[in-house]
Amino acid sequence: MKQIFRGMDNSSIDVINANFNELSDPNRAITAQNVTVTGYIASKAKVTTVNIGQLRGIITRSGNTVFLSIPPQPWPYSGATAWTVAYDMVVPVGYRPTSSAVMNMINNYKTSLLKVDGTGAIFFTDSDVNGNTNFEAFGNWQTNDDFPA
């Protein structure tokens, strides 16, 4: 690589072309020292099956985005009261939202909401859930949790 400077004579085009060819070579080895990198390491999505209380869910994390799906299943608890903690239903560490997030809930063919707070605790609005309820839920949010192992 040759240094290019202002005021070179017209024959410098050969130097410029040689430098371009060297820089654009896909087999060129690059050596760097004292490099600072900011950002995050992108990776494949992590998909896993988790217990959300007594319900089974599929949770996916790609970067800082989380998607939780609780497929249709019978409601395993008795009764409910609106906007209370949903028993032991908690999103695990590594997937919790940065603040409150909302999930859609389908309960016996009607829609309602679940709220997930920053600790992962799940709250719900529907007071009509019972042992005869066919329940499912889904939602997505951003997380600042460390990536799960």
C-alpha atoms as a PDB file:
ATOM      1  CA  MET A   1       0.000   0.000   0.000  1.00  0.00           C
ATOM      2  CA  LYS A   2       1.482   3.312  -1.050  1.00  0.00           C
ATOM      3  CA  GLN A   3       0.665   6.679   0.436  1.00  0.00           C
ATOM      4  CA  ILE A   4      -1.344   9.004  -1.768  1.00  0.00           C
ATOM      5  CA  PHE A   5      -0.974  12.723  -1.264  1.00  0.00           C
ATOM      6  CA  ARG A   6      -2.212  15.971  -2.807  1.00  0.00           C
ATOM      7  CA  GLY A   7       0.012  17.191  -5.595  1.00  0.00           C
ATOM      8  CA  MET A   8       1.082  13.793  -6.950  1.00  0.00           C
ATOM      9  CA  ASP A   9       1.802  13.797 -10.671  1.00  0.00           C
ATOM     10  CA  ASN A  10      -0.623  12.304 -13.190  1.00  0.00           C
ATOM     11  CA  SER A  11       1.105   8.917 -13.092  1.00  0.00           C
ATOM     12  CA  SER A  12      -0.378   8.454  -9.601  1.00  0.00           C
ATOM     13  CA  ILE A  13      -3.456   6.748 -11.110  1.00  0.00           C
ATOM     14  CA  ASP A  14      -1.445   3.522 -11.116  1.00  0.00           C
ATOM     15  CA  VAL A  15      -0.830   3.915  -7.368  1.00  0.00           C
ATOM     16  CA  ILE A  16      -4.533   4.574  -6.773  1.00  0.00           C
ATOM     17  CA  ASN A  17      -5.544   1.512  -8.822  1.00  0.00           C
ATOM     18  CA  ALA A  18      -3.009  -0.671  -7.018  1.00  0.00           C
ATOM     19  CA  ASN A  19      -4.308   0.496  -3.627  1.00  0.00           C
ATOM     20  CA  PHE A  20      -7.916  -0.152  -4.678  1.00  0.00           C
ATOM     21  CA  ASN A  21      -7.035  -3.652  -5.891  1.00  0.00           C
ATOM     22  CA  GLU A  22      -5.284  -4.413  -2.606  1.00  0.00           C
ATOM     23  CA  LEU A  23      -8.159  -3.098  -0.461  1.00  0.00           C
ATOM     24  CA  SER A  24     -10.834  -4.947  -2.455  1.00  0.00           C
ATOM     25  CA  ASP A  25      -9.044  -8.314  -2.398  1.00  0.00           C
ATOM     26  CA  PRO A  26     -11.386 -10.739  -0.519  1.00  0.00           C
ATOM     27  CA  ASN A  27      -8.371 -12.729   0.710  1.00  0.00           C
ATOM     28  CA  ARG A  28      -6.677  -9.684   2.232  1.00  0.00           C
ATOM     29  CA  ALA A  29      -5.546 -10.198   5.813  1.00  0.00           C
ATOM     30  CA  ILE A  30      -6.428  -7.380   8.191  1.00  0.00           C
ATOM     31  CA  THR A  31      -4.507  -6.705  11.384  1.00  0.00           C
ATOM     32  CA  ALA A  32      -5.952  -4.317  13.944  1.00  0.00           C
ATOM     33  CA  GLN A  33      -4.768  -3.150  17.338  1.00  0.00           C
ATOM     34  CA  ASN A  34      -6.573  -1.284  20.106  1.00  0.00           C
ATOM     35  CA  VAL A  35     -10.017  -1.605  18.520  1.00  0.00           C
ATOM     36  CA  THR A  36     -13.149  -0.536  20.411  1.00  0.00           C
ATOM     37  CA  VAL A  37     -16.424  -2.113  19.320  1.00  0.00           C
ATOM     38  CA  THR A  38     -19.872  -1.059  20.487  1.00  0.00           C
ATOM     39  CA  GLY A  39     -23.227  -2.764  19.953  1.00  0.00           C
ATOM     40  CA  TYR A  40     -24.297  -6.323  20.610  1.00  0.00           C
ATOM     41  CA  ILE A  41     -23.573  -9.736  19.205  1.00  0.00           C
ATOM     42  CA  ALA A  42     -26.392 -10.859  16.978  1.00  0.00           C
ATOM     43  CA  SER A  43     -27.249 -14.527  17.252  1.00  0.00           C
ATOM     44  CA  LYS A  44     -29.811 -17.040  16.164  1.00  0.00           C
ATOM     45  CA  ALA A  45     -33.136 -17.016  17.929  1.00  0.00           C
ATOM     46  CA  LYS A  46     -33.333 -19.080  21.115  1.00  0.00           C
ATOM     47  CA  VAL A  47     -36.577 -21.070  21.203  1.00  0.00           C
ATOM     48  CA  THR A  48     -37.522 -23.071  24.280  1.00  0.00           C
ATOM     49  CA  THR A  49     -40.544 -24.572  25.999  1.00  0.00           C
ATOM     50  CA  VAL A  50     -41.168 -23.118  29.461  1.00  0.00           C
ATOM     51  CA  ASN A  51     -43.609 -23.480  32.306  1.00  0.00           C
ATOM     52  CA  ILE A  52     -45.547 -20.292  32.944  1.00  0.00           C
ATOM     53  CA  GLY A  53     -47.031 -21.356  36.245  1.00  0.00           C
ATOM     54  CA  GLN A  54     -48.958 -24.544  35.463  1.00  0.00           C
ATOM     55  CA  LEU A  55     -49.290 -23.648  31.770  1.00  0.00           C
ATOM     56  CA  ARG A  56     -46.807 -24.689  29.069  1.00  0.00           C
ATOM     57  CA  GLY A  57     -45.567 -22.005  26.699  1.00  0.00           C
ATOM     58  CA  ILE A  58     -43.105 -21.554  23.873  1.00  0.00           C
ATOM     59  CA  ILE A  59     -40.808 -18.579  24.303  1.00  0.00           C
ATOM     60  CA  THR A  60     -38.496 -17.188  21.632  1.00  0.00           C
ATOM     61  CA  ARG A  61     -35.769 -14.599  22.012  1.00  0.00           C
ATOM     62  CA  SER A  62     -33.959 -13.009  19.106  1.00  0.00           C
ATOM     63  CA  GLY A  63     -31.653 -10.192  20.140  1.00  0.00           C
ATOM     64  CA  ASN A  64     -33.675  -8.139  22.624  1.00  0.00           C
ATOM     65  CA  THR A  65     -37.076  -9.154  21.229  1.00  0.00           C
ATOM     66  CA  VAL A  66     -39.140 -11.795  23.042  1.00  0.00           C
ATOM     67  CA  PHE A  67     -42.231 -13.628  21.763  1.00  0.00           C
ATOM     68  CA  LEU A  68     -44.273 -15.787  24.141  1.00  0.00           C
ATOM     69  CA  SER A  69     -46.998 -18.131  22.966  1.00  0.00           C
ATOM     70  CA  ILE A  70     -49.122 -20.198  25.339  1.00  0.00           C
ATOM     71  CA  PRO A  71     -50.981 -22.607  23.030  1.00  0.00           C
ATOM     72  CA  PRO A  72     -54.610 -23.611  23.727  1.00  0.00           C
ATOM     73  CA  GLN A  73     -54.929 -25.657  26.919  1.00  0.00           C
ATOM     74  CA  PRO A  74     -57.348 -26.071  29.827  1.00  0.00           C
ATOM     75  CA  TRP A  75     -57.100 -23.434  32.585  1.00  0.00           C
ATOM     76  CA  PRO A  76     -55.401 -25.278  35.496  1.00  0.00           C
ATOM     77  CA  TYR A  77     -56.463 -22.894  38.285  1.00  0.00           C
ATOM     78  CA  SER A  78     -59.794 -22.262  39.976  1.00  0.00           C
ATOM     79  CA  GLY A  79     -61.458 -18.877  39.596  1.00  0.00           C
ATOM     80  CA  ALA A  80     -59.837 -15.509  39.027  1.00  0.00           C
ATOM     81  CA  THR A  81     -60.113 -11.867  39.966  1.00  0.00           C
ATOM     82  CA  ALA A  82     -59.497  -9.074  37.471  1.00  0.00           C
ATOM     83  CA  TRP A  83     -56.045  -7.418  37.444  1.00  0.00           C
ATOM     84  CA  THR A  84     -54.527  -9.658  40.055  1.00  0.00           C
ATOM     85  CA  VAL A  85     -51.337 -11.631  39.850  1.00  0.00           C
ATOM     86  CA  ALA A  86     -52.127 -14.714  37.847  1.00  0.00           C
ATOM     87  CA  TYR A  87     -51.198 -17.194  40.560  1.00  0.00           C
ATOM     88  CA  ASP A  88     -47.662 -18.447  39.897  1.00  0.00           C
ATOM     89  CA  MET A  89     -47.534 -17.313  36.270  1.00  0.00           C
ATOM     90  CA  VAL A  90     -44.141 -15.604  35.810  1.00  0.00           C
ATOM     91  CA  VAL A  91     -42.003 -15.066  32.712  1.00  0.00           C
ATOM     92  CA  PRO A  92     -38.507 -16.449  33.439  1.00  0.00           C
ATOM     93  CA  VAL A  93     -35.354 -14.332  33.791  1.00  0.00           C
ATOM     94  CA  GLY A  94     -33.765 -13.720  30.406  1.00  0.00           C
ATOM     95  CA  TYR A  95     -37.143 -12.953  28.826  1.00  0.00           C
ATOM     96  CA  ARG A  96     -38.750 -10.319  31.106  1.00  0.00           C
ATOM     97  CA  PRO A  97     -39.937  -7.039  29.558  1.00  0.00           C
ATOM     98  CA  THR A  98     -38.104  -3.764  30.165  1.00  0.00           C
ATOM     99  CA  SER A  99     -41.348  -2.375  31.586  1.00  0.00           C
ATOM    100  CA  SER A 100     -44.983  -3.459  31.322  1.00  0.00           C
ATOM    101  CA  ALA A 101     -46.032  -5.426  28.248  1.00  0.00           C
ATOM    102  CA  VAL A 102     -49.459  -6.564  27.098  1.00  0.00           C
ATOM    103  CA  MET A 103     -50.356 -10.019  25.785  1.00  0.00           C
ATOM    104  CA  ASN A 104     -53.545 -11.048  24.023  1.00  0.00           C
ATOM    105  CA  MET A 105     -55.498 -13.776  25.771  1.00  0.00           C
ATOM    106  CA  ILE A 106     -58.234 -15.933  24.281  1.00  0.00           C
ATOM    107  CA  ASN A 107     -60.538 -17.402  26.891  1.00  0.00           C
ATOM    108  CA  ASN A 108     -63.409 -19.584  25.689  1.00  0.00           C
ATOM    109  CA  TYR A 109     -63.401 -17.818  22.297  1.00  0.00           C
ATOM    110  CA  LYS A 110     -63.402 -14.252  23.645  1.00  0.00           C
ATOM    111  CA  THR A 111     -60.388 -11.978  23.810  1.00  0.00           C
ATOM    112  CA  SER A 112     -58.965 -10.263  26.847  1.00  0.00           C
ATOM    113  CA  LEU A 113     -55.583  -9.007  28.021  1.00  0.00           C
ATOM    114  CA  LEU A 114     -52.696 -10.160  30.153  1.00  0.00           C
ATOM    115  CA  LYS A 115     -50.161  -7.691  31.524  1.00  0.00           C
ATOM    116  CA  VAL A 116     -46.547  -8.713  32.097  1.00  0.00           C
ATOM    117  CA  ASP A 117     -44.600  -6.361  34.378  1.00  0.00           C
ATOM    118  CA  GLY A 118     -40.827  -5.832  34.505  1.00  0.00           C
ATOM    119  CA  THR A 119     -40.376  -8.590  37.117  1.00  0.00           C
ATOM    120  CA  GLY A 120     -42.061 -11.089  34.772  1.00  0.00           C
ATOM    121  CA  ALA A 121     -45.224 -11.365  36.918  1.00  0.00           C
ATOM    122  CA  ILE A 122     -48.372 -11.835  34.824  1.00  0.00           C
ATOM    123  CA  PHE A 123     -51.647 -10.079  35.648  1.00  0.00           C
ATOM    124  CA  PHE A 124     -54.952 -10.611  33.852  1.00  0.00           C
ATOM    125  CA  THR A 125     -58.218  -8.805  33.251  1.00  0.00           C
ATOM    126  CA  ASP A 126     -60.650 -11.643  32.648  1.00  0.00           C
ATOM    127  CA  SER A 127     -62.604 -12.774  35.724  1.00  0.00           C
ATOM    128  CA  ASP A 128     -64.455 -15.520  33.820  1.00  0.00           C
ATOM    129  CA  VAL A 129     -61.666 -18.089  33.807  1.00  0.00           C
ATOM    130  CA  ASN A 130     -62.359 -21.378  35.550  1.00  0.00           C
ATOM    131  CA  GLY A 131     -61.693 -25.092  35.167  1.00  0.00           C
ATOM    132  CA  ASN A 132     -63.915 -25.178  32.065  1.00  0.00           C
ATOM    133  CA  THR A 133     -61.901 -22.470  30.312  1.00  0.00           C
ATOM    134  CA  ASN A 134     -59.864 -23.205  27.203  1.00  0.00           C
ATOM    135  CA  PHE A 135     -57.046 -20.677  27.475  1.00  0.00           C
ATOM    136  CA  GLU A 136     -54.350 -19.376  25.134  1.00  0.00           C
ATOM    137  CA  ALA A 137     -52.185 -16.246  25.038  1.00  0.00           C
ATOM    138  CA  PHE A 138     -49.491 -14.619  22.930  1.00  0.00           C
ATOM    139  CA  GLY A 139     -47.461 -11.403  22.907  1.00  0.00           C
ATOM    140  CA  ASN A 140     -44.081  -9.864  22.304  1.00  0.00           C
ATOM    141  CA  TRP A 141     -41.891  -7.194  23.932  1.00  0.00           C
ATOM    142  CA  GLN A 142     -38.343  -5.908  24.340  1.00  0.00           C
ATOM    143  CA  THR A 143     -36.054  -7.083  27.145  1.00  0.00           C
ATOM    144  CA  ASN A 144     -32.834  -5.822  28.728  1.00  0.00           C
ATOM    145  CA  ASP A 145     -32.204  -9.145  30.518  1.00  0.00           C
ATOM    146  CA  ASP A 146     -28.962 -10.969  29.856  1.00  0.00           C
ATOM    147  CA  PHE A 147     -29.341 -13.627  27.180  1.00  0.00           C
ATOM    148  CA  PRO A 148     -30.441 -16.927  28.771  1.00  0.00           C
ATOM    149  CA  ALA A 149     -27.937 -19.774  28.861  1.00  0.00           C
END
